[in-house]
C-alpha atoms as a PDB file:
ATOM      1  CA  MET A   1       0.000   0.000   0.000  1.00  0.00           C
ATOM      2  CA  SER A   2       1.388   3.395  -0.909  1.00  0.00           C
ATOM      3  CA  ARG A   3       0.544   7.003  -1.749  1.00  0.00           C
ATOM      4  CA  THR A   4       2.936   9.233  -3.690  1.00  0.00           C
ATOM      5  CA  ASP A   5       2.504  12.653  -5.304  1.00  0.00           C
ATOM      6  CA  LEU A   6       4.396  13.280  -8.541  1.00  0.00           C
ATOM      7  CA  GLU A   7       4.978  16.620 -10.239  1.00  0.00           C
ATOM      8  CA  LEU A   8       4.790  16.524 -14.020  1.00  0.00           C
ATOM      9  CA  TYR A   9       6.214  19.150 -16.347  1.00  0.00           C
ATOM     10  CA  ASN A  10       4.123  19.204 -19.492  1.00  0.00           C
ATOM     11  CA  GLU A  11       4.040  21.131 -22.770  1.00  0.00           C
ATOM     12  CA  ALA A  12       1.606  18.830 -24.590  1.00  0.00           C
ATOM     13  CA  GLY A  13      -2.154  18.756 -25.019  1.00  0.00           C
ATOM     14  CA  GLY A  14      -2.372  15.442 -23.204  1.00  0.00           C
ATOM     15  CA  PHE A  15      -0.576  13.019 -20.916  1.00  0.00           C
ATOM     16  CA  MET A  16      -0.018   9.279 -20.778  1.00  0.00           C
ATOM     17  CA  ILE A  17      -0.054   6.735 -17.974  1.00  0.00           C
ATOM     18  CA  GLY A  18       1.689   3.444 -18.688  1.00  0.00           C
ATOM     19  CA  SER A  19       4.728   1.251 -18.190  1.00  0.00           C
ATOM     20  CA  ALA A  20       8.319   2.400 -18.577  1.00  0.00           C
ATOM     21  CA  SER A  21       8.844  -0.565 -20.907  1.00  0.00           C
ATOM     22  CA  LEU A  22       6.753   1.234 -23.540  1.00  0.00           C
ATOM     23  CA  HIS A  23       9.641   3.595 -24.331  1.00  0.00           C
ATOM     24  CA  GLY A  24      10.683   2.651 -27.852  1.00  0.00           C
ATOM     25  CA  GLY A  25       8.956  -0.698 -27.333  1.00  0.00           C
ATOM     26  CA  ALA A  26       6.104  -2.637 -28.886  1.00  0.00           C
ATOM     27  CA  PHE A  27       4.160   0.473 -29.908  1.00  0.00           C
ATOM     28  CA  ALA A  28       7.070   2.443 -31.355  1.00  0.00           C
ATOM     29  CA  GLY A  29       5.597   2.369 -34.847  1.00  0.00           C
ATOM     30  CA  VAL A  30       2.051   3.477 -34.090  1.00  0.00           C
ATOM     31  CA  GLU A  31       0.620   6.812 -35.118  1.00  0.00           C
ATOM     32  CA  GLU A  32      -1.612   8.896 -32.875  1.00  0.00           C
ATOM     33  CA  GLY A  33      -5.170   7.541 -33.133  1.00  0.00           C
ATOM     34  CA  ASP A  34      -4.434   4.741 -35.622  1.00  0.00           C
ATOM     35  CA  ALA A  35      -5.528   1.110 -35.229  1.00  0.00           C
ATOM     36  CA  GLY A  36      -2.365   0.096 -33.371  1.00  0.00           C
ATOM     37  CA  TRP A  37      -2.697   3.024 -30.973  1.00  0.00           C
ATOM     38  CA  LEU A  38      -6.334   2.200 -30.208  1.00  0.00           C
ATOM     39  CA  ALA A  39      -5.506  -1.490 -29.799  1.00  0.00           C
ATOM     40  CA  GLY A  40      -2.882  -0.592 -27.206  1.00  0.00           C
ATOM     41  CA  ILE A  41      -5.425   1.379 -25.202  1.00  0.00           C
ATOM     42  CA  GLU A  42      -7.988  -1.423 -25.404  1.00  0.00           C
ATOM     43  CA  ALA A  43      -5.380  -3.949 -24.243  1.00  0.00           C
ATOM     44  CA  GLY A  44      -4.484  -1.809 -21.218  1.00  0.00           C
ATOM     45  CA  ALA A  45      -0.948  -1.089 -22.407  1.00  0.00           C
ATOM     46  CA  PHE A  46      -1.205   2.697 -22.050  1.00  0.00           C
ATOM     47  CA  LEU A  47      -3.769   5.394 -21.255  1.00  0.00           C
ATOM     48  CA  PRO A  48      -3.536   8.742 -23.111  1.00  0.00           C
ATOM     49  CA  PHE A  49      -5.652  11.539 -21.604  1.00  0.00           C
ATOM     50  CA  ARG A  50      -6.684  14.697 -23.428  1.00  0.00           C
ATOM     51  CA  LEU A  51      -5.977  18.006 -21.622  1.00  0.00           C
ATOM     52  CA  VAL A  52      -7.651  21.381 -22.071  1.00  0.00           C
ATOM     53  CA  GLN A  53      -4.228  23.014 -22.387  1.00  0.00           C
ATOM     54  CA  ASP A  54      -0.538  22.274 -22.083  1.00  0.00           C
ATOM     55  CA  ASP A  55       0.001  22.798 -18.356  1.00  0.00           C
ATOM     56  CA  GLY A  56       1.920  20.774 -15.825  1.00  0.00           C
ATOM     57  CA  PHE A  57       0.174  19.291 -12.811  1.00  0.00           C
ATOM     58  CA  LEU A  58       0.472  17.173  -9.688  1.00  0.00           C
ATOM     59  CA  ILE A  59      -0.769  13.583  -9.737  1.00  0.00           C
ATOM     60  CA  ARG A  60      -1.213  11.314  -6.732  1.00  0.00           C
ATOM     61  CA  VAL A  61      -0.554   7.603  -7.269  1.00  0.00           C
ATOM     62  CA  MET A  62      -2.196   5.226  -4.806  1.00  0.00           C
ATOM     63  CA  VAL A  63      -1.717   1.472  -4.694  1.00  0.00           C
ATOM     64  CA  ASP A  64      -4.264  -0.742  -2.921  1.00  0.00           C
ATOM     65  CA  GLU A  65      -5.608   2.038  -0.704  1.00  0.00           C
ATOM     66  CA  PRO A  66      -9.104   3.477  -0.325  1.00  0.00           C
ATOM     67  CA  LEU A  67      -9.678   7.153  -1.002  1.00  0.00           C
ATOM     68  CA  ALA A  68      -9.411   9.440   2.014  1.00  0.00           C
ATOM     69  CA  ALA A  69     -12.414  11.617   2.861  1.00  0.00           C
ATOM     70  CA  ARG A  70     -11.367  14.711   0.902  1.00  0.00           C
ATOM     71  CA  GLU A  71     -10.128  12.644  -2.042  1.00  0.00           C
ATOM     72  CA  ARG A  72     -13.516  10.929  -2.123  1.00  0.00           C
ATOM     73  CA  ASP A  73     -15.623  14.056  -1.626  1.00  0.00           C
ATOM     74  CA  GLU A  74     -13.907  16.477  -4.004  1.00  0.00           C
ATOM     75  CA  TRP A  75     -13.310  14.679  -7.295  1.00  0.00           C
ATOM     76  CA  VAL A  76     -15.049  16.234 -10.303  1.00  0.00           C
ATOM     77  CA  GLY A  77     -14.389  13.564 -12.958  1.00  0.00           C
ATOM     78  CA  ARG A  78     -13.622   9.837 -13.024  1.00  0.00           C
ATOM     79  CA  THR A  79     -12.796   7.087 -15.510  1.00  0.00           C
ATOM     80  CA  ARG A  80     -11.915   3.402 -14.989  1.00  0.00           C
ATOM     81  CA  HIS A  81      -9.554   1.341 -17.137  1.00  0.00           C
ATOM     82  CA  ARG A  82      -7.455  -1.769 -17.392  1.00  0.00           C
ATOM     83  CA  LEU A  83      -3.731  -1.010 -17.083  1.00  0.00           C
ATOM     84  CA  ILE A  84      -0.882  -3.501 -17.306  1.00  0.00           C
ATOM     85  CA  ILE A  85       2.464  -2.659 -15.670  1.00  0.00           C
ATOM     86  CA  PRO A  86       4.502  -5.774 -16.484  1.00  0.00           C
ATOM     87  CA  ALA A  87       7.863  -4.737 -15.029  1.00  0.00           C
ATOM     88  CA  GLY A  88       6.621  -2.714 -12.055  1.00  0.00           C
ATOM     89  CA  ARG A  89       7.777   0.704 -13.280  1.00  0.00           C
ATOM     90  CA  LEU A  90       4.961   3.213 -13.819  1.00  0.00           C
ATOM     91  CA  VAL A  91       5.440   6.338 -15.912  1.00  0.00           C
ATOM     92  CA  VAL A  92       3.358   9.483 -16.291  1.00  0.00           C
ATOM     93  CA  VAL A  93       4.394  11.378 -19.411  1.00  0.00           C
ATOM     94  CA  GLY A  94       3.551  14.830 -20.749  1.00  0.00           C
ATOM     95  CA  GLY A  95       2.637  13.740 -24.253  1.00  0.00           C
ATOM     96  CA  CYS A  96       2.418  10.155 -25.502  1.00  0.00           C
ATOM     97  CA  TRP A  97       3.426   9.410 -29.076  1.00  0.00           C
ATOM     98  CA  GLU A  98       6.960  10.700 -28.546  1.00  0.00           C
ATOM     99  CA  TYR A  99       7.511   8.363 -25.589  1.00  0.00           C
ATOM    100  CA  LEU A 100       6.159   5.363 -27.462  1.00  0.00           C
ATOM    101  CA  ALA A 101       8.455   6.216 -30.381  1.00  0.00           C
ATOM    102  CA  GLY A 102      11.496   6.192 -28.090  1.00  0.00           C
ATOM    103  CA  GLU A 103      12.279   9.902 -28.179  1.00  0.00           C
ATOM    104  CA  GLU A 104      14.146  11.630 -25.340  1.00  0.00           C
ATOM    105  CA  MET A 105      11.397  12.511 -22.840  1.00  0.00           C
ATOM    106  CA  ASP A 106      13.118  12.659 -19.445  1.00  0.00           C
ATOM    107  CA  GLU A 107      12.076  16.283 -18.890  1.00  0.00           C
ATOM    108  CA  PHE A 108       8.424  15.358 -19.324  1.00  0.00           C
ATOM    109  CA  THR A 109       8.412  12.018 -17.489  1.00  0.00           C
ATOM    110  CA  ALA A 110       7.830  11.072 -13.867  1.00  0.00           C
ATOM    111  CA  SER A 111       8.238   7.456 -12.830  1.00  0.00           C
ATOM    112  CA  LEU A 112       7.535   5.333  -9.802  1.00  0.00           C
ATOM    113  CA  ASP A 113       7.992   1.715  -8.744  1.00  0.00           C
ATOM    114  CA  VAL A 114       4.688  -0.105  -8.261  1.00  0.00           C
ATOM    115  CA  PRO A 115       3.833  -3.797  -7.943  1.00  0.00           C
ATOM    116  CA  PRO A 116       3.826  -5.400 -11.407  1.00  0.00           C
ATOM    117  CA  GLY A 117       0.521  -6.731 -12.585  1.00  0.00           C
ATOM    118  CA  ASP A 118      -2.766  -6.414 -14.418  1.00  0.00           C
ATOM    119  CA  ASP A 119      -4.555  -3.563 -12.668  1.00  0.00           C
ATOM    120  CA  LEU A 120      -7.761  -1.622 -12.409  1.00  0.00           C
ATOM    121  CA  ALA A 121      -6.772   2.014 -12.908  1.00  0.00           C
ATOM    122  CA  GLU A 122      -9.248   4.533 -11.522  1.00  0.00           C
ATOM    123  CA  VAL A 123      -8.358   8.045 -12.646  1.00  0.00           C
ATOM    124  CA  TYR A 124      -9.910  10.950 -10.736  1.00  0.00           C
ATOM    125  CA  THR A 125      -9.858  14.601 -11.802  1.00  0.00           C
ATOM    126  CA  TYR A 126      -9.923  17.410  -9.215  1.00  0.00           C
ATOM    127  CA  TYR A 127     -10.844  21.067  -9.555  1.00  0.00           C
ATOM    128  CA  HIS A 128      -7.197  22.165  -9.341  1.00  0.00           C
ATOM    129  CA  GLY A 129      -6.298  19.992 -12.314  1.00  0.00           C
ATOM    130  CA  VAL A 130      -5.946  21.180 -15.897  1.00  0.00           C
ATOM    131  CA  ASN A 131      -9.363  19.703 -16.727  1.00  0.00           C
ATOM    132  CA  GLY A 132     -11.062  20.555 -13.425  1.00  0.00           C
ATOM    133  CA  GLU A 133     -13.152  23.528 -14.542  1.00  0.00           C
ATOM    134  CA  SER A 134     -14.226  21.673 -17.689  1.00  0.00           C
ATOM    135  CA  CYS A 135     -15.485  18.766 -15.603  1.00  0.00           C
ATOM    136  CA  LEU A 136     -17.492  21.096 -13.354  1.00  0.00           C
ATOM    137  CA  ARG A 137     -19.084  22.735 -16.385  1.00  0.00           C
ATOM    138  CA  GLU A 138     -19.894  19.328 -17.830  1.00  0.00           C
ATOM    139  CA  ALA A 139     -21.565  18.295 -14.578  1.00  0.00           C
ATOM    140  CA  GLY A 140     -23.632  21.506 -14.452  1.00  0.00           C
ATOM    141  CA  PRO A 141     -25.165  23.784 -13.513  1.00  0.00           C
ATOM    142  CA  ASP A 142     -22.736  26.471 -14.650  1.00  0.00           C
ATOM    143  CA  GLU A 143     -22.096  28.300 -11.374  1.00  0.00           C
ATOM    144  CA  PRO A 144     -19.234  30.764 -10.732  1.00  0.00           C
ATOM    145  CA  ILE A 145     -16.725  29.342  -8.273  1.00  0.00           C
ATOM    146  CA  GLY A 146     -17.183  32.192  -5.776  1.00  0.00           C
ATOM    147  CA  ALA A 147     -20.953  31.718  -5.745  1.00  0.00           C
ATOM    148  CA  TYR A 148     -20.452  27.958  -5.372  1.00  0.00           C
ATOM    149  CA  PHE A 149     -18.261  28.506  -2.318  1.00  0.00           C
ATOM    150  CA  ARG A 150     -20.671  30.964  -0.687  1.00  0.00           C
ATOM    151  CA  ARG A 151     -23.638  28.675  -1.281  1.00  0.00           C
ATOM    152  CA  THR A 152     -22.053  25.506   0.079  1.00  0.00           C
ATOM    153  CA  ARG A 153     -19.497  26.757   2.634  1.00  0.00           C
ATOM    154  CA  SER A 154     -21.203  29.718   4.273  1.00  0.00           C
ATOM    155  CA  GLY A 155     -19.163  31.080   7.172  1.00  0.00           C
ATOM    156  CA  GLU A 156     -15.997  29.155   6.295  1.00  0.00           C
ATOM    157  CA  PRO A 157     -12.718  31.009   5.651  1.00  0.00           C
ATOM    158  CA  TRP A 158     -11.845  31.476   2.011  1.00  0.00           C
ATOM    159  CA  PRO A 159      -8.837  29.415   0.918  1.00  0.00           C
ATOM    160  CA  PRO A 160      -5.948  31.534  -0.424  1.00  0.00           C
ATOM    161  CA  TRP A 161      -6.252  30.179  -3.957  1.00  0.00           C
ATOM    162  CA  LEU A 162      -9.914  31.198  -4.153  1.00  0.00           C
ATOM    163  CA  ARG A 163      -9.226  34.680  -2.767  1.00  0.00           C
ATOM    164  CA  ARG A 164      -6.553  35.114  -5.408  1.00  0.00           C
ATOM    165  CA  HIS A 165      -8.878  33.816  -8.109  1.00  0.00           C
ATOM    166  CA  CYS A 166     -11.690  36.238  -7.232  1.00  0.00           C
ATOM    167  CA  ALA A 167      -9.272  39.147  -6.841  1.00  0.00           C
ATOM    168  CA  GLU A 168      -8.117  38.437 -10.396  1.00  0.00           C
ATOM    169  CA  ASP A 169     -11.659  38.135 -11.734  1.00  0.00           C
ATOM    170  CA  PRO A 170     -14.382  39.504  -9.424  1.00  0.00           C
ATOM    171  CA  ARG A 171     -17.016  38.314 -11.898  1.00  0.00           C
ATOM    172  CA  ASP A 172     -16.558  34.830 -10.455  1.00  0.00           C
ATOM    173  CA  ASP A 173     -18.162  36.077  -7.224  1.00  0.00           C
ATOM    174  CA  PRO A 174     -21.340  37.689  -8.602  1.00  0.00           C
ATOM    175  CA  GLY A 175     -23.002  40.218  -6.355  1.00  0.00           C
ATOM    176  CA  HIS A 176     -19.740  40.811  -4.479  1.00  0.00           C
ATOM    177  CA  GLU A 177     -17.605  42.284  -7.252  1.00  0.00           C
ATOM    178  CA  ASP A 178     -17.006  45.561  -5.423  1.00  0.00           C
ATOM    179  CA  GLU A 179     -15.538  43.704  -2.439  1.00  0.00           C
ATOM    180  CA  TRP A 180     -12.688  42.465  -4.643  1.00  0.00           C
ATOM    181  CA  ARG A 181     -11.828  45.684  -6.478  1.00  0.00           C
ATOM    182  CA  ASP A 182      -8.967  46.679  -4.172  1.00  0.00           C
ATOM    183  CA  VAL A 183      -7.876  43.218  -3.036  1.00  0.00           C
ATOM    184  CA  ASP A 184      -4.277  42.410  -3.968  1.00  0.00           C
ATOM    185  CA  PRO A 185      -4.046  38.942  -5.577  1.00  0.00           C
ATOM    186  CA  ASP A 186      -0.645  38.649  -3.850  1.00  0.00           C
ATOM    187  CA  TYR A 187       0.941  36.429  -6.460  1.00  0.00           C
ATOM    188  CA  GLY A 188       4.087  36.085  -4.377  1.00  0.00           C
ATOM    189  CA  ALA A 189       2.331  34.476  -1.427  1.00  0.00           C
ATOM    190  CA  GLU A 190       3.016  30.792  -1.105  1.00  0.00           C
ATOM    191  CA  GLY A 191       0.175  28.423  -0.414  1.00  0.00           C
ATOM    192  CA  PRO A 192      -0.175  24.659  -0.429  1.00  0.00           C
ATOM    193  CA  SER A 193      -0.103  22.984  -3.832  1.00  0.00           C
ATOM    194  CA  CYS A 194      -3.027  20.725  -4.667  1.00  0.00           C
ATOM    195  CA  ILE A 195      -3.199  17.627  -6.829  1.00  0.00           C
ATOM    196  CA  GLY A 196      -5.057  17.782 -10.118  1.00  0.00           C
ATOM    197  CA  THR A 197      -5.288  14.061 -10.796  1.00  0.00           C
ATOM    198  CA  LEU A 198      -5.333  10.897  -8.714  1.00  0.00           C
ATOM    199  CA  LEU A 199      -4.493   7.438 -10.045  1.00  0.00           C
ATOM    200  CA  ARG A 200      -5.700   4.575  -7.864  1.00  0.00           C
ATOM    201  CA  LEU A 201      -4.310   1.156  -8.760  1.00  0.00           C
ATOM    202  CA  SER A 202      -5.682  -2.161  -7.532  1.00  0.00           C
ATOM    203  CA  SER A 203      -5.609  -5.698  -8.885  1.00  0.00           C
ATOM    204  CA  LEU A 204      -8.094  -6.208 -11.689  1.00  0.00           C
ATOM    205  CA  VAL A 205     -10.734  -8.732 -10.679  1.00  0.00           C
ATOM    206  CA  GLY A 206     -13.075 -10.028 -13.350  1.00  0.00           C
ATOM    207  CA  GLU A 207     -13.619  -8.294 -16.667  1.00  0.00           C
ATOM    208  CA  ALA A 208     -12.023  -5.024 -17.681  1.00  0.00           C
ATOM    209  CA  PRO A 209     -14.151  -1.867 -17.383  1.00  0.00           C
ATOM    210  CA  PRO A 210     -16.157  -0.935 -20.492  1.00  0.00           C
ATOM    211  CA  PRO A 211     -14.526   1.351 -23.082  1.00  0.00           C
ATOM    212  CA  VAL A 212     -14.576   5.086 -22.434  1.00  0.00           C
ATOM    213  CA  ALA A 213     -15.320   7.893 -24.872  1.00  0.00           C
ATOM    214  CA  MET A 214     -12.406   8.960 -27.041  1.00  0.00           C
ATOM    215  CA  ASP A 215     -11.439  12.268 -28.632  1.00  0.00           C
ATOM    216  CA  ARG A 216      -9.265  11.748 -31.726  1.00  0.00           C
ATOM    217  CA  GLY A 217      -7.419   8.872 -30.103  1.00  0.00           C
ATOM    218  CA  TRP A 218      -7.240  10.370 -26.616  1.00  0.00           C
ATOM    219  CA  ILE A 219      -9.450   9.703 -23.595  1.00  0.00           C
ATOM    220  CA  ALA A 220     -11.994  12.503 -23.727  1.00  0.00           C
ATOM    221  CA  ILE A 221     -12.339  15.263 -21.127  1.00  0.00           C
ATOM    222  CA  GLY A 222     -15.342  15.490 -18.820  1.00  0.00           C
ATOM    223  CA  GLN A 223     -16.248  11.825 -18.381  1.00  0.00           C
ATOM    224  CA  GLY A 224     -17.782  10.784 -15.085  1.00  0.00           C
ATOM    225  CA  ALA A 225     -18.226  14.480 -14.310  1.00  0.00           C
ATOM    226  CA  ARG A 226     -19.948  15.506 -11.110  1.00  0.00           C
ATOM    227  CA  ARG A 227     -20.378  18.633  -8.982  1.00  0.00           C
ATOM    228  CA  PRO A 228     -19.468  17.882  -5.334  1.00  0.00           C
ATOM    229  CA  ASP A 229     -22.029  18.828  -2.698  1.00  0.00           C
ATOM    230  CA  ALA A 230     -19.577  21.377  -1.265  1.00  0.00           C
ATOM    231  CA  CYS A 231     -17.170  23.561  -3.229  1.00  0.00           C
ATOM    232  CA  PRO A 232     -13.787  21.805  -3.429  1.00  0.00           C
ATOM    233  CA  LEU A 233     -11.095  23.205  -1.137  1.00  0.00           C
ATOM    234  CA  GLY A 234      -8.309  21.228  -2.790  1.00  0.00           C
ATOM    235  CA  VAL A 235      -6.472  18.003  -1.990  1.00  0.00           C
ATOM    236  CA  VAL A 236      -3.077  19.149  -0.730  1.00  0.00           C
ATOM    237  CA  ALA A 237      -0.043  17.467  -2.276  1.00  0.00           C
ATOM    238  CA  ASP A 238       1.589  16.562   1.023  1.00  0.00           C
ATOM    239  CA  ARG A 239       3.307  13.406  -0.224  1.00  0.00           C
ATOM    240  CA  LEU A 240       5.419  14.949  -2.950  1.00  0.00           C
ATOM    241  CA  ALA A 241       8.267  12.733  -4.062  1.00  0.00           C
ATOM    242  CA  ARG A 242      11.197  13.683  -6.211  1.00  0.00           C
ATOM    243  CA  ALA A 243      10.546  10.628  -8.310  1.00  0.00           C
ATOM    244  CA  GLU A 244      13.299   9.631 -10.685  1.00  0.00           C
ATOM    245  CA  ALA A 245      12.484  10.735 -14.196  1.00  0.00           C
ATOM    246  CA  GLY A 246      13.469   8.697 -17.166  1.00  0.00           C
ATOM    247  CA  ASP A 247      12.655   5.655 -19.177  1.00  0.00           C
ATOM    248  CA  GLU A 248      14.361   2.854 -17.323  1.00  0.00           C
END
């Protein structure tokens, strides 16, 4: 059982979860979205996820552990997949095709030792992730984040990230715009970093989950979207590891 937070530098419009053995391996000749690419996804060899934009993010990897309360309460999107890690070395890569082709990707790769096996991979998206706002919009109704917080967390202190957000754009707190006019966003203030994605691995029992919706060869944004009962505060990345990057 383990929990580890990984920081991923990314300049691509998507990211991949898979095995380190994929680097220049069996799928080196596939093209993005072609039959070989799609067959690899169906077989559980790799999972390419579409992103709204090319930002880096923090991902938590959990092995054989249940979600903690905030992890369970605050996710805004979820998909389930088969994922095979034959040699016990997991990689999360900013991009996908380049890694499969064997290109130099150390700068965009985070890796972690996990038990080898045929796994159920549950992938959760959180509000602080690249796709978080898109998932909330997909879940509906379209409610500004400041209004969402006031409605569901009345009387609670505003988290620093939300104060900064509303100071930048008071329109996200409708009816209270004037209260933010002179508030300094204080970009230099340090606050806790929050995960954007959580990968929960457990042994696959029975059949693989059904196929998910795809977007031009990538796992589409907004699947399993939901709006939590209370405005997300953020799942703090308090288990950050300087995981070894690379393809070995």
